[in-house]
Amino acid sequence: MDTWILRMVRNAAVRRVLAWGVVLALGVLLIAENTRYLNNFVRGPFQLGATELDAIRDVATTPRYFVRVAGSKAIDTAIREYTVHTSAGVETSRSVSGAYYALVVGNRFLIVRTAGDPPSVAEGPLAPFPPDLDSHLFDSKEMRAIRSRFYPFYVSSEAFRLAGYIAIAVALVLGFFLVKRAAPAWHHFREPASHALMRRMESWGDPLGVAVEAEREFHAPRYKGGNGWKVGEKYLLRSTFFTFDILRLTDLLWAYKKVTKHSINLIPTGKTYDAMLFCYGGSATISAREKRVEELLAFAAQRVPWAVIGHTAELATLFTKDVQSFAAAVEARRREFQDPTQPGNG
């Protein structure tokens, strides 16, 4: 039977599937746009000599640009890059972060940037001359006269594969979430009855009756809070763009007010308040103003008088470490409230 709850579960699953589809499409597009880099990442560095370097017309489009080039000797250009260290806007020291050498390859020169010793073999990505390097290197008549002997690109010492390793890490994380999140979303879209909410509702009674009541409370809730939560007479309902969930108020075990203090540079900037409600099958964190949170908790205490209301360190420890004992104590309180003739109820 296609109830309102099933439709809400399916709609949330559809949105999750579409979102993950967009992520997957963007990933494929990103790979397609970076096939040149991927080829060099996997197959490079390519061993190039003078003949291969001479054949490069545009370093920005040449297929093989992650290279290893051997030269006969390296000539110091005396051009340096410095890292300047400051304190309160005042320079305190500086250190050499890079040096430029002219590597002799055949009868031409290949500029190499390195942070180490003069290289006899250069390895790294080929890149166009930065404007400031060009102006410093050819700042004299003598250098301009032999400019044609210099390749119009240089070898950078940057970690070429770092971006690839980061991309692999991101892809692994996305792959993990694709399996963990997208696959269940697809399954819930195809079979919404398999959703955890539907299994939880099996003990709630007639599915159609529950759906009708839940829909009515969803559209006319007693309380509204943050994080997509609405509170009705019988149900806690949550609907966001990607999620849909329902908890039953009579399944409430524990509820309390959570106060979070906020500050910037140790200066208090305010507080936020949440009603924390823990039920069989799930929990609700409902953000609202303090007065509304207190009203909501008072309503919960009235509707579910056997639930534990309030927070102490002992309660938190028991709930975290032995939730079964916590639930057993709540069930004992429930029986007392529902059957006042039991011994010990006066």
C-alpha atoms as a PDB file:
ATOM      1  CA  MET A   1       0.000   0.000   0.000  1.00  0.00           C
ATOM      2  CA  ASP A   2       1.439   3.337  -1.084  1.00  0.00           C
ATOM      3  CA  THR A   3       1.005   5.502   2.028  1.00  0.00           C
ATOM      4  CA  TRP A   4       2.116   9.082   2.695  1.00  0.00           C
ATOM      5  CA  ILE A   5       5.059   7.781   4.721  1.00  0.00           C
ATOM      6  CA  LEU A   6       6.218   5.537   1.882  1.00  0.00           C
ATOM      7  CA  ARG A   7       6.047   8.467  -0.516  1.00  0.00           C
ATOM      8  CA  MET A   8       8.053  10.690   1.837  1.00  0.00           C
ATOM      9  CA  VAL A   9      10.698   7.973   2.253  1.00  0.00           C
ATOM     10  CA  ARG A  10      10.878   7.479  -1.512  1.00  0.00           C
ATOM     11  CA  ASN A  11      11.090  11.214  -2.247  1.00  0.00           C
ATOM     12  CA  ALA A  12      13.974  11.692   0.195  1.00  0.00           C
ATOM     13  CA  ALA A  13      15.746   8.701  -1.364  1.00  0.00           C
ATOM     14  CA  VAL A  14      15.248  10.135  -4.864  1.00  0.00           C
ATOM     15  CA  ARG A  15      16.883  13.398  -3.828  1.00  0.00           C
ATOM     16  CA  ARG A  16      19.838  11.542  -2.317  1.00  0.00           C
ATOM     17  CA  VAL A  17      20.247   9.435  -5.447  1.00  0.00           C
ATOM     18  CA  LEU A  18      20.145  12.525  -7.659  1.00  0.00           C
ATOM     19  CA  ALA A  19      22.670  14.327  -5.462  1.00  0.00           C
ATOM     20  CA  TRP A  20      25.084  11.409  -5.575  1.00  0.00           C
ATOM     21  CA  GLY A  21      24.507  11.162  -9.314  1.00  0.00           C
ATOM     22  CA  VAL A  22      25.592  14.790  -9.665  1.00  0.00           C
ATOM     23  CA  VAL A  23      28.690  14.093  -7.551  1.00  0.00           C
ATOM     24  CA  LEU A  24      29.536  11.072  -9.698  1.00  0.00           C
ATOM     25  CA  ALA A  25      29.000  13.045 -12.916  1.00  0.00           C
ATOM     26  CA  LEU A  26      31.240  15.846 -11.662  1.00  0.00           C
ATOM     27  CA  GLY A  27      33.903  13.287 -10.795  1.00  0.00           C
ATOM     28  CA  VAL A  28      33.771  11.793 -14.294  1.00  0.00           C
ATOM     29  CA  LEU A  29      33.881  15.288 -15.811  1.00  0.00           C
ATOM     30  CA  LEU A  30      36.882  16.177 -13.652  1.00  0.00           C
ATOM     31  CA  ILE A  31      38.710  13.057 -14.811  1.00  0.00           C
ATOM     32  CA  ALA A  32      37.878  13.818 -18.447  1.00  0.00           C
ATOM     33  CA  GLU A  33      39.202  17.374 -18.065  1.00  0.00           C
ATOM     34  CA  ASN A  34      42.479  16.150 -16.562  1.00  0.00           C
ATOM     35  CA  THR A  35      43.435  13.216 -18.770  1.00  0.00           C
ATOM     36  CA  ARG A  36      46.716  14.960 -19.646  1.00  0.00           C
ATOM     37  CA  TYR A  37      47.685  15.213 -15.992  1.00  0.00           C
ATOM     38  CA  LEU A  38      46.556  11.636 -15.290  1.00  0.00           C
ATOM     39  CA  ASN A  39      48.652  10.305 -18.167  1.00  0.00           C
ATOM     40  CA  ASN A  40      51.723  12.084 -16.817  1.00  0.00           C
ATOM     41  CA  PHE A  41      50.921  11.053 -13.237  1.00  0.00           C
ATOM     42  CA  VAL A  42      50.733   7.378 -14.178  1.00  0.00           C
ATOM     43  CA  ARG A  43      53.411   7.136 -16.903  1.00  0.00           C
ATOM     44  CA  GLY A  44      55.794   9.938 -15.997  1.00  0.00           C
ATOM     45  CA  PRO A  45      58.343  11.196 -15.511  1.00  0.00           C
ATOM     46  CA  PHE A  46      59.240  10.925 -19.192  1.00  0.00           C
ATOM     47  CA  GLN A  47      62.901  10.830 -20.132  1.00  0.00           C
ATOM     48  CA  LEU A  48      63.443  13.722 -22.571  1.00  0.00           C
ATOM     49  CA  GLY A  49      66.554  14.813 -24.389  1.00  0.00           C
ATOM     50  CA  ALA A  50      67.433  17.800 -26.560  1.00  0.00           C
ATOM     51  CA  THR A  51      65.520  16.440 -29.560  1.00  0.00           C
ATOM     52  CA  GLU A  52      62.272  16.011 -27.602  1.00  0.00           C
ATOM     53  CA  LEU A  53      62.644  19.411 -25.896  1.00  0.00           C
ATOM     54  CA  ASP A  54      63.282  21.122 -29.228  1.00  0.00           C
ATOM     55  CA  ALA A  55      60.058  19.615 -30.594  1.00  0.00           C
ATOM     56  CA  ILE A  56      57.879  21.232 -27.905  1.00  0.00           C
ATOM     57  CA  ARG A  57      55.929  24.122 -29.419  1.00  0.00           C
ATOM     58  CA  ASP A  58      53.504  24.847 -26.581  1.00  0.00           C
ATOM     59  CA  VAL A  59      54.426  23.617 -23.133  1.00  0.00           C
ATOM     60  CA  ALA A  60      50.849  24.176 -21.913  1.00  0.00           C
ATOM     61  CA  THR A  61      49.488  21.529 -24.308  1.00  0.00           C
ATOM     62  CA  THR A  62      52.390  19.150 -24.899  1.00  0.00           C
ATOM     63  CA  PRO A  63      51.285  15.612 -23.955  1.00  0.00           C
ATOM     64  CA  ARG A  64      54.394  14.763 -21.939  1.00  0.00           C
ATOM     65  CA  TYR A  65      55.291  17.495 -19.479  1.00  0.00           C
ATOM     66  CA  PHE A  66      56.265  15.602 -16.320  1.00  0.00           C
ATOM     67  CA  VAL A  67      59.867  14.990 -17.327  1.00  0.00           C
ATOM     68  CA  ARG A  68      63.344  13.902 -16.343  1.00  0.00           C
ATOM     69  CA  VAL A  69      66.131  15.671 -18.244  1.00  0.00           C
ATOM     70  CA  ALA A  70      69.856  14.972 -17.927  1.00  0.00           C
ATOM     71  CA  GLY A  71      72.338  17.753 -18.667  1.00  0.00           C
ATOM     72  CA  SER A  72      76.098  18.038 -18.983  1.00  0.00           C
ATOM     73  CA  LYS A  73      76.360  20.702 -16.276  1.00  0.00           C
ATOM     74  CA  ALA A  74      74.334  23.248 -14.305  1.00  0.00           C
ATOM     75  CA  ILE A  75      75.179  26.963 -14.365  1.00  0.00           C
ATOM     76  CA  ASP A  76      74.095  29.130 -11.447  1.00  0.00           C
ATOM     77  CA  THR A  77      71.985  32.083 -12.636  1.00  0.00           C
ATOM     78  CA  ALA A  78      72.289  33.768  -9.214  1.00  0.00           C
ATOM     79  CA  ILE A  79      68.487  34.166  -9.173  1.00  0.00           C
ATOM     80  CA  ARG A  80      66.989  33.207  -5.835  1.00  0.00           C
ATOM     81  CA  GLU A  81      63.562  33.036  -4.261  1.00  0.00           C
ATOM     82  CA  TYR A  82      63.264  33.957  -0.611  1.00  0.00           C
ATOM     83  CA  THR A  83      60.758  33.196   2.088  1.00  0.00           C
ATOM     84  CA  VAL A  84      60.372  36.242   4.321  1.00  0.00           C
ATOM     85  CA  HIS A  85      59.510  35.705   7.977  1.00  0.00           C
ATOM     86  CA  THR A  86      57.724  38.514   9.792  1.00  0.00           C
ATOM     87  CA  SER A  87      56.469  39.346  13.248  1.00  0.00           C
ATOM     88  CA  ALA A  88      53.802  42.017  13.726  1.00  0.00           C
ATOM     89  CA  GLY A  89      54.364  43.077  10.128  1.00  0.00           C
ATOM     90  CA  VAL A  90      58.119  43.529  10.592  1.00  0.00           C
ATOM     91  CA  GLU A  91      60.608  41.308   8.772  1.00  0.00           C
ATOM     92  CA  THR A  92      62.607  39.203  11.205  1.00  0.00           C
ATOM     93  CA  SER A  93      64.488  36.925   8.815  1.00  0.00           C
ATOM     94  CA  ARG A  94      64.502  35.434   5.353  1.00  0.00           C
ATOM     95  CA  SER A  95      65.632  32.142   3.904  1.00  0.00           C
ATOM     96  CA  VAL A  96      66.302  30.825   0.413  1.00  0.00           C
ATOM     97  CA  SER A  97      63.347  28.762  -0.789  1.00  0.00           C
ATOM     98  CA  GLY A  98      64.438  28.246  -4.376  1.00  0.00           C
ATOM     99  CA  ALA A  99      67.337  28.732  -6.775  1.00  0.00           C
ATOM    100  CA  TYR A 100      67.420  28.810 -10.574  1.00  0.00           C
ATOM    101  CA  TYR A 101      70.072  27.018 -12.608  1.00  0.00           C
ATOM    102  CA  ALA A 102      70.655  26.779 -16.351  1.00  0.00           C
ATOM    103  CA  LEU A 103      71.043  23.097 -17.205  1.00  0.00           C
ATOM    104  CA  VAL A 104      73.117  22.575 -20.358  1.00  0.00           C
ATOM    105  CA  VAL A 105      71.222  20.215 -22.689  1.00  0.00           C
ATOM    106  CA  GLY A 106      73.030  19.817 -26.004  1.00  0.00           C
ATOM    107  CA  ASN A 107      73.740  23.363 -27.170  1.00  0.00           C
ATOM    108  CA  ARG A 108      70.816  24.950 -25.311  1.00  0.00           C
ATOM    109  CA  PHE A 109      69.902  25.861 -21.751  1.00  0.00           C
ATOM    110  CA  LEU A 110      66.974  24.571 -19.711  1.00  0.00           C
ATOM    111  CA  ILE A 111      66.174  26.599 -16.608  1.00  0.00           C
ATOM    112  CA  VAL A 112      65.597  24.452 -13.537  1.00  0.00           C
ATOM    113  CA  ARG A 113      64.148  25.611 -10.242  1.00  0.00           C
ATOM    114  CA  THR A 114      65.347  23.631  -7.260  1.00  0.00           C
ATOM    115  CA  ALA A 115      65.484  23.971  -3.516  1.00  0.00           C
ATOM    116  CA  GLY A 116      68.589  21.816  -3.300  1.00  0.00           C
ATOM    117  CA  ASP A 117      72.033  21.513  -4.838  1.00  0.00           C
ATOM    118  CA  PRO A 118      72.837  22.285  -8.500  1.00  0.00           C
ATOM    119  CA  PRO A 119      71.200  19.488 -10.506  1.00  0.00           C
ATOM    120  CA  SER A 120      72.759  17.307 -13.160  1.00  0.00           C
ATOM    121  CA  VAL A 121      69.367  15.702 -13.739  1.00  0.00           C
ATOM    122  CA  ALA A 122      66.185  17.759 -13.542  1.00  0.00           C
ATOM    123  CA  GLU A 123      62.856  16.157 -12.688  1.00  0.00           C
ATOM    124  CA  GLY A 124      59.500  17.860 -12.481  1.00  0.00           C
ATOM    125  CA  PRO A 125      56.754  19.452 -14.558  1.00  0.00           C
ATOM    126  CA  LEU A 126      57.554  21.759 -17.447  1.00  0.00           C
ATOM    127  CA  ALA A 127      55.940  25.186 -17.121  1.00  0.00           C
ATOM    128  CA  PRO A 128      56.028  28.513 -18.994  1.00  0.00           C
ATOM    129  CA  PHE A 129      58.421  31.169 -17.731  1.00  0.00           C
ATOM    130  CA  PRO A 130      56.863  33.333 -15.016  1.00  0.00           C
ATOM    131  CA  PRO A 131      57.067  37.028 -16.013  1.00  0.00           C
ATOM    132  CA  ASP A 132      59.307  37.950 -13.068  1.00  0.00           C
ATOM    133  CA  LEU A 133      61.756  35.137 -13.877  1.00  0.00           C
ATOM    134  CA  ASP A 134      61.899  36.231 -17.504  1.00  0.00           C
ATOM    135  CA  SER A 135      62.640  39.846 -16.571  1.00  0.00           C
ATOM    136  CA  HIS A 136      65.349  38.919 -14.060  1.00  0.00           C
ATOM    137  CA  LEU A 137      67.037  36.350 -16.291  1.00  0.00           C
ATOM    138  CA  PHE A 138      67.238  38.543 -19.384  1.00  0.00           C
ATOM    139  CA  ASP A 139      68.006  41.842 -17.679  1.00  0.00           C
ATOM    140  CA  SER A 140      71.240  42.516 -19.567  1.00  0.00           C
ATOM    141  CA  LYS A 141      72.235  43.027 -23.191  1.00  0.00           C
ATOM    142  CA  GLU A 142      74.478  39.969 -23.099  1.00  0.00           C
ATOM    143  CA  MET A 143      71.703  37.697 -21.836  1.00  0.00           C
ATOM    144  CA  ARG A 144      69.194  39.030 -24.334  1.00  0.00           C
ATOM    145  CA  ALA A 145      71.693  38.306 -27.108  1.00  0.00           C
ATOM    146  CA  ILE A 146      71.656  34.564 -26.292  1.00  0.00           C
ATOM    147  CA  ARG A 147      67.984  34.358 -25.406  1.00  0.00           C
ATOM    148  CA  SER A 148      67.254  32.057 -28.343  1.00  0.00           C
ATOM    149  CA  ARG A 149      69.486  29.410 -26.758  1.00  0.00           C
ATOM    150  CA  PHE A 150      67.151  29.154 -23.757  1.00  0.00           C
ATOM    151  CA  TYR A 151      64.069  26.982 -23.870  1.00  0.00           C
ATOM    152  CA  PRO A 152      60.951  29.145 -23.313  1.00  0.00           C
ATOM    153  CA  PHE A 153      59.916  26.949 -20.384  1.00  0.00           C
ATOM    154  CA  TYR A 154      61.513  25.668 -17.223  1.00  0.00           C
ATOM    155  CA  VAL A 155      61.434  22.643 -14.921  1.00  0.00           C
ATOM    156  CA  SER A 156      59.659  23.336 -11.649  1.00  0.00           C
ATOM    157  CA  SER A 157      60.626  21.547  -8.456  1.00  0.00           C
ATOM    158  CA  GLU A 158      57.029  21.380  -7.214  1.00  0.00           C
ATOM    159  CA  ALA A 159      55.703  18.036  -6.018  1.00  0.00           C
ATOM    160  CA  PHE A 160      53.951  17.045  -9.237  1.00  0.00           C
ATOM    161  CA  ARG A 161      52.187  13.968  -7.899  1.00  0.00           C
ATOM    162  CA  LEU A 162      50.899  15.598  -4.698  1.00  0.00           C
ATOM    163  CA  ALA A 163      47.701  16.807  -6.372  1.00  0.00           C
ATOM    164  CA  GLY A 164      47.154  13.317  -7.757  1.00  0.00           C
ATOM    165  CA  TYR A 165      47.586  11.673  -4.367  1.00  0.00           C
ATOM    166  CA  ILE A 166      45.125  14.153  -2.856  1.00  0.00           C
ATOM    167  CA  ALA A 167      42.679  13.399  -5.676  1.00  0.00           C
ATOM    168  CA  ILE A 168      43.051   9.663  -5.031  1.00  0.00           C
ATOM    169  CA  ALA A 169      42.366  10.191  -1.319  1.00  0.00           C
ATOM    170  CA  VAL A 170      39.288  12.274  -2.129  1.00  0.00           C
ATOM    171  CA  ALA A 171      38.122   9.644  -4.630  1.00  0.00           C
ATOM    172  CA  LEU A 172      38.510   6.891  -2.019  1.00  0.00           C
ATOM    173  CA  VAL A 173      36.495   8.910   0.503  1.00  0.00           C
ATOM    174  CA  LEU A 174      33.806   9.606  -2.100  1.00  0.00           C
ATOM    175  CA  GLY A 175      33.829   5.950  -3.098  1.00  0.00           C
ATOM    176  CA  PHE A 176      33.334   4.952   0.531  1.00  0.00           C
ATOM    177  CA  PHE A 177      30.368   7.289   0.904  1.00  0.00           C
ATOM    178  CA  LEU A 178      29.039   6.224  -2.486  1.00  0.00           C
ATOM    179  CA  VAL A 179      28.838   2.662  -1.202  1.00  0.00           C
ATOM    180  CA  LYS A 180      27.708   3.637   2.296  1.00  0.00           C
ATOM    181  CA  ARG A 181      25.181   6.340   1.363  1.00  0.00           C
ATOM    182  CA  ALA A 182      24.292   6.199  -2.306  1.00  0.00           C
ATOM    183  CA  ALA A 183      23.701   2.451  -2.493  1.00  0.00           C
ATOM    184  CA  PRO A 184      21.192   2.462   0.414  1.00  0.00           C
ATOM    185  CA  ALA A 185      19.501   5.520  -1.102  1.00  0.00           C
ATOM    186  CA  TRP A 186      19.058   3.658  -4.381  1.00  0.00           C
ATOM    187  CA  HIS A 187      17.753   0.623  -2.501  1.00  0.00           C
ATOM    188  CA  HIS A 188      15.256   2.753  -0.543  1.00  0.00           C
ATOM    189  CA  PHE A 189      14.136   4.395  -3.772  1.00  0.00           C
ATOM    190  CA  ARG A 190      13.485   1.006  -5.353  1.00  0.00           C
ATOM    191  CA  GLU A 191      12.064  -0.551  -2.182  1.00  0.00           C
ATOM    192  CA  PRO A 192      10.970   2.120   0.323  1.00  0.00           C
ATOM    193  CA  ALA A 193       9.421  -0.611   2.488  1.00  0.00           C
ATOM    194  CA  SER A 194      12.975  -1.756   3.348  1.00  0.00           C
ATOM    195  CA  HIS A 195      13.755   1.564   5.084  1.00  0.00           C
ATOM    196  CA  ALA A 196      14.544   1.337   8.806  1.00  0.00           C
ATOM    197  CA  LEU A 197      11.542   3.553   9.550  1.00  0.00           C
ATOM    198  CA  MET A 198       9.177   1.084   7.908  1.00  0.00           C
ATOM    199  CA  ARG A 199      10.624  -1.800   9.922  1.00  0.00           C
ATOM    200  CA  ARG A 200      10.334   0.294  13.098  1.00  0.00           C
ATOM    201  CA  MET A 201       6.662   0.995  12.326  1.00  0.00           C
ATOM    202  CA  GLU A 202       5.724  -2.686  12.096  1.00  0.00           C
ATOM    203  CA  SER A 203       4.855  -2.713  15.813  1.00  0.00           C
ATOM    204  CA  TRP A 204       2.943   0.588  15.713  1.00  0.00           C
ATOM    205  CA  GLY A 205      -0.317  -0.811  14.376  1.00  0.00           C
ATOM    206  CA  ASP A 206      -2.212  -0.272  11.131  1.00  0.00           C
ATOM    207  CA  PRO A 207       0.244   1.299   8.614  1.00  0.00           C
ATOM    208  CA  LEU A 208      -2.483   3.288   6.874  1.00  0.00           C
ATOM    209  CA  GLY A 209      -3.821   4.657  10.157  1.00  0.00           C
ATOM    210  CA  VAL A 210      -0.322   5.582  11.326  1.00  0.00           C
ATOM    211  CA  ALA A 211       0.379   7.302   7.995  1.00  0.00           C
ATOM    212  CA  VAL A 212      -2.838   9.327   8.170  1.00  0.00           C
ATOM    213  CA  GLU A 213      -2.103  10.472  11.739  1.00  0.00           C
ATOM    214  CA  ALA A 214       1.533  11.249  10.929  1.00  0.00           C
ATOM    215  CA  GLU A 215       0.606  13.282   7.851  1.00  0.00           C
ATOM    216  CA  ARG A 216      -1.945  15.267   9.827  1.00  0.00           C
ATOM    217  CA  GLU A 217       0.587  16.045  12.570  1.00  0.00           C
ATOM    218  CA  PHE A 218       3.234  16.903   9.973  1.00  0.00           C
ATOM    219  CA  HIS A 219       1.047  19.558   8.381  1.00  0.00           C
ATOM    220  CA  ALA A 220      -0.324  20.862  11.696  1.00  0.00           C
ATOM    221  CA  PRO A 221       2.398  20.265  14.298  1.00  0.00           C
ATOM    222  CA  ARG A 222       2.197  21.319  17.909  1.00  0.00           C
ATOM    223  CA  TYR A 223       5.817  22.527  17.839  1.00  0.00           C
ATOM    224  CA  LYS A 224       8.350  23.282  15.122  1.00  0.00           C
ATOM    225  CA  GLY A 225      12.084  23.232  15.710  1.00  0.00           C
ATOM    226  CA  GLY A 226      15.372  23.325  13.884  1.00  0.00           C
ATOM    227  CA  ASN A 227      16.990  20.523  11.900  1.00  0.00           C
ATOM    228  CA  GLY A 228      13.678  19.799  10.156  1.00  0.00           C
ATOM    229  CA  TRP A 229      11.873  18.484  13.242  1.00  0.00           C
ATOM    230  CA  LYS A 230       8.162  18.843  13.981  1.00  0.00           C
ATOM    231  CA  VAL A 231       6.446  17.635  17.143  1.00  0.00           C
ATOM    232  CA  GLY A 232       2.875  16.385  17.112  1.00  0.00           C
ATOM    233  CA  GLU A 233       0.612  14.786  19.695  1.00  0.00           C
ATOM    234  CA  LYS A 234       1.977  11.307  18.995  1.00  0.00           C
ATOM    235  CA  TYR A 235       5.004  11.636  16.747  1.00  0.00           C
ATOM    236  CA  LEU A 236       8.325  13.370  16.261  1.00  0.00           C
ATOM    237  CA  LEU A 237       8.681  13.936  12.520  1.00  0.00           C
ATOM    238  CA  ARG A 238      11.741  15.074  10.619  1.00  0.00           C
ATOM    239  CA  SER A 239      11.820  16.100   6.981  1.00  0.00           C
ATOM    240  CA  THR A 240      14.815  17.704   5.294  1.00  0.00           C
ATOM    241  CA  PHE A 241      15.895  17.751   1.678  1.00  0.00           C
ATOM    242  CA  PHE A 242      17.692  14.406   2.043  1.00  0.00           C
ATOM    243  CA  THR A 243      16.073  12.752   5.073  1.00  0.00           C
ATOM    244  CA  PHE A 244      12.725  11.684   6.442  1.00  0.00           C
ATOM    245  CA  ASP A 245      12.167  10.040   9.806  1.00  0.00           C
ATOM    246  CA  ILE A 246       9.483   9.498  12.420  1.00  0.00           C
ATOM    247  CA  LEU A 247       9.826   8.632  16.088  1.00  0.00           C
ATOM    248  CA  ARG A 248       6.958   7.753  18.385  1.00  0.00           C
ATOM    249  CA  LEU A 249       6.589   9.878  21.514  1.00  0.00           C
ATOM    250  CA  THR A 250       5.543   6.875  23.598  1.00  0.00           C
ATOM    251  CA  ASP A 251       8.929   5.325  22.769  1.00  0.00           C
ATOM    252  CA  LEU A 252      10.727   8.186  24.524  1.00  0.00           C
ATOM    253  CA  LEU A 253      13.399   7.037  26.984  1.00  0.00           C
ATOM    254  CA  TRP A 254      15.246  10.209  27.930  1.00  0.00           C
ATOM    255  CA  ALA A 255      14.958  13.923  27.222  1.00  0.00           C
ATOM    256  CA  TYR A 256      16.855  16.976  28.393  1.00  0.00           C
ATOM    257  CA  LYS A 257      17.806  20.534  27.491  1.00  0.00           C
ATOM    258  CA  LYS A 258      21.242  21.032  25.972  1.00  0.00           C
ATOM    259  CA  VAL A 259      22.842  24.459  26.283  1.00  0.00           C
ATOM    260  CA  THR A 260      25.805  25.331  24.061  1.00  0.00           C
ATOM    261  CA  LYS A 261      27.839  28.417  24.866  1.00  0.00           C
ATOM    262  CA  HIS A 262      29.535  30.228  21.976  1.00  0.00           C
ATOM    263  CA  SER A 263      32.514  32.563  22.118  1.00  0.00           C
ATOM    264  CA  ILE A 264      35.034  34.256  19.865  1.00  0.00           C
ATOM    265  CA  ASN A 265      38.536  34.702  21.278  1.00  0.00           C
ATOM    266  CA  LEU A 266      37.166  33.717  24.718  1.00  0.00           C
ATOM    267  CA  ILE A 267      34.540  36.490  24.519  1.00  0.00           C
ATOM    268  CA  PRO A 268      31.008  35.081  25.030  1.00  0.00           C
ATOM    269  CA  THR A 269      28.782  35.664  22.006  1.00  0.00           C
ATOM    270  CA  GLY A 270      25.647  33.827  23.063  1.00  0.00           C
ATOM    271  CA  LYS A 271      24.014  30.475  23.679  1.00  0.00           C
ATOM    272  CA  THR A 272      22.000  28.012  21.631  1.00  0.00           C
ATOM    273  CA  TYR A 273      19.483  25.532  22.963  1.00  0.00           C
ATOM    274  CA  ASP A 274      18.459  22.052  21.873  1.00  0.00           C
ATOM    275  CA  ALA A 275      15.864  19.616  23.094  1.00  0.00           C
ATOM    276  CA  MET A 276      17.536  16.204  23.098  1.00  0.00           C
ATOM    277  CA  LEU A 277      15.056  13.334  22.866  1.00  0.00           C
ATOM    278  CA  PHE A 278      16.199   9.715  22.803  1.00  0.00           C
ATOM    279  CA  CYS A 279      13.678   7.078  21.757  1.00  0.00           C
ATOM    280  CA  TYR A 280      13.660   3.439  20.776  1.00  0.00           C
ATOM    281  CA  GLY A 281      14.982   3.425  17.227  1.00  0.00           C
ATOM    282  CA  GLY A 282      16.551   6.877  17.101  1.00  0.00           C
ATOM    283  CA  SER A 283      16.985  10.320  18.584  1.00  0.00           C
ATOM    284  CA  ALA A 284      15.952  13.892  17.843  1.00  0.00           C
ATOM    285  CA  THR A 285      17.987  17.061  18.313  1.00  0.00           C
ATOM    286  CA  ILE A 286      15.502  19.916  18.088  1.00  0.00           C
ATOM    287  CA  SER A 287      16.983  23.410  18.068  1.00  0.00           C
ATOM    288  CA  ALA A 288      14.800  26.274  19.272  1.00  0.00           C
ATOM    289  CA  ARG A 289      14.728  29.232  21.603  1.00  0.00           C
ATOM    290  CA  GLU A 290      15.148  28.389  25.272  1.00  0.00           C
ATOM    291  CA  LYS A 291      11.490  28.986  26.133  1.00  0.00           C
ATOM    292  CA  ARG A 292      10.299  26.784  23.271  1.00  0.00           C
ATOM    293  CA  VAL A 293      12.756  24.033  24.267  1.00  0.00           C
ATOM    294  CA  GLU A 294      11.427  24.105  27.829  1.00  0.00           C
ATOM    295  CA  GLU A 295       7.830  24.004  26.560  1.00  0.00           C
ATOM    296  CA  LEU A 296       8.645  21.042  24.353  1.00  0.00           C
ATOM    297  CA  LEU A 297      10.276  19.125  27.218  1.00  0.00           C
ATOM    298  CA  ALA A 298       7.334  19.885  29.500  1.00  0.00           C
ATOM    299  CA  PHE A 299       4.995  18.561  26.815  1.00  0.00           C
ATOM    300  CA  ALA A 300       7.099  15.399  26.467  1.00  0.00           C
ATOM    301  CA  ALA A 301       7.074  14.898  30.247  1.00  0.00           C
ATOM    302  CA  GLN A 302       3.296  15.215  30.260  1.00  0.00           C
ATOM    303  CA  ARG A 303       2.765  12.863  27.311  1.00  0.00           C
ATOM    304  CA  VAL A 304       5.369  10.309  28.434  1.00  0.00           C
ATOM    305  CA  PRO A 305       5.539  10.605  32.241  1.00  0.00           C
ATOM    306  CA  TRP A 306       7.620   7.460  32.590  1.00  0.00           C
ATOM    307  CA  ALA A 307      10.485   8.834  30.484  1.00  0.00           C
ATOM    308  CA  VAL A 308      13.523  10.277  32.239  1.00  0.00           C
ATOM    309  CA  ILE A 309      13.563  14.078  31.958  1.00  0.00           C
ATOM    310  CA  GLY A 310      16.705  16.040  32.795  1.00  0.00           C
ATOM    311  CA  HIS A 311      20.437  15.541  32.536  1.00  0.00           C
ATOM    312  CA  THR A 312      23.051  14.396  35.008  1.00  0.00           C
ATOM    313  CA  ALA A 313      26.496  12.928  34.480  1.00  0.00           C
ATOM    314  CA  GLU A 314      25.312   9.637  35.993  1.00  0.00           C
ATOM    315  CA  LEU A 315      22.393   9.382  33.568  1.00  0.00           C
ATOM    316  CA  ALA A 316      24.646  10.158  30.613  1.00  0.00           C
ATOM    317  CA  THR A 317      27.139   7.490  31.689  1.00  0.00           C
ATOM    318  CA  LEU A 318      24.440   4.859  32.174  1.00  0.00           C
ATOM    319  CA  PHE A 319      22.776   5.655  28.837  1.00  0.00           C
ATOM    320  CA  THR A 320      26.098   5.549  26.981  1.00  0.00           C
ATOM    321  CA  LYS A 321      27.525   2.423  28.605  1.00  0.00           C
ATOM    322  CA  ASP A 322      24.423   0.354  29.358  1.00  0.00           C
ATOM    323  CA  VAL A 323      21.442   1.548  27.363  1.00  0.00           C
ATOM    324  CA  GLN A 324      19.642  -1.756  27.934  1.00  0.00           C
ATOM    325  CA  SER A 325      19.610  -1.226  31.703  1.00  0.00           C
ATOM    326  CA  PHE A 326      18.482   2.369  31.117  1.00  0.00           C
ATOM    327  CA  ALA A 327      15.624   1.166  28.917  1.00  0.00           C
ATOM    328  CA  ALA A 328      14.680  -1.546  31.437  1.00  0.00           C
ATOM    329  CA  ALA A 329      14.356   1.078  34.179  1.00  0.00           C
ATOM    330  CA  VAL A 330      12.148   3.218  31.923  1.00  0.00           C
ATOM    331  CA  GLU A 331       9.983   0.192  31.101  1.00  0.00           C
ATOM    332  CA  ALA A 332       9.554  -0.489  34.817  1.00  0.00           C
ATOM    333  CA  ARG A 333       8.383   3.112  35.273  1.00  0.00           C
ATOM    334  CA  ARG A 334       6.007   2.675  32.325  1.00  0.00           C
ATOM    335  CA  ARG A 335       4.405  -0.368  33.938  1.00  0.00           C
ATOM    336  CA  GLU A 336       3.963   1.542  37.178  1.00  0.00           C
ATOM    337  CA  PHE A 337       2.196   4.400  35.400  1.00  0.00           C
ATOM    338  CA  GLN A 338       0.038   2.123  33.285  1.00  0.00           C
ATOM    339  CA  ASP A 339      -0.915  -0.239  36.156  1.00  0.00           C
ATOM    340  CA  PRO A 340      -1.126   1.781  39.391  1.00  0.00           C
ATOM    341  CA  THR A 341      -2.410  -1.305  41.264  1.00  0.00           C
ATOM    342  CA  GLN A 342       1.042  -2.877  41.214  1.00  0.00           C
ATOM    343  CA  PRO A 343       2.773  -3.243  44.593  1.00  0.00           C
ATOM    344  CA  GLY A 344       4.828  -0.183  45.475  1.00  0.00           C
ATOM    345  CA  ASN A 345       2.456   2.293  43.807  1.00  0.00           C
ATOM    346  CA  GLY A 346       0.658   3.217  47.015  1.00  0.00           C
END
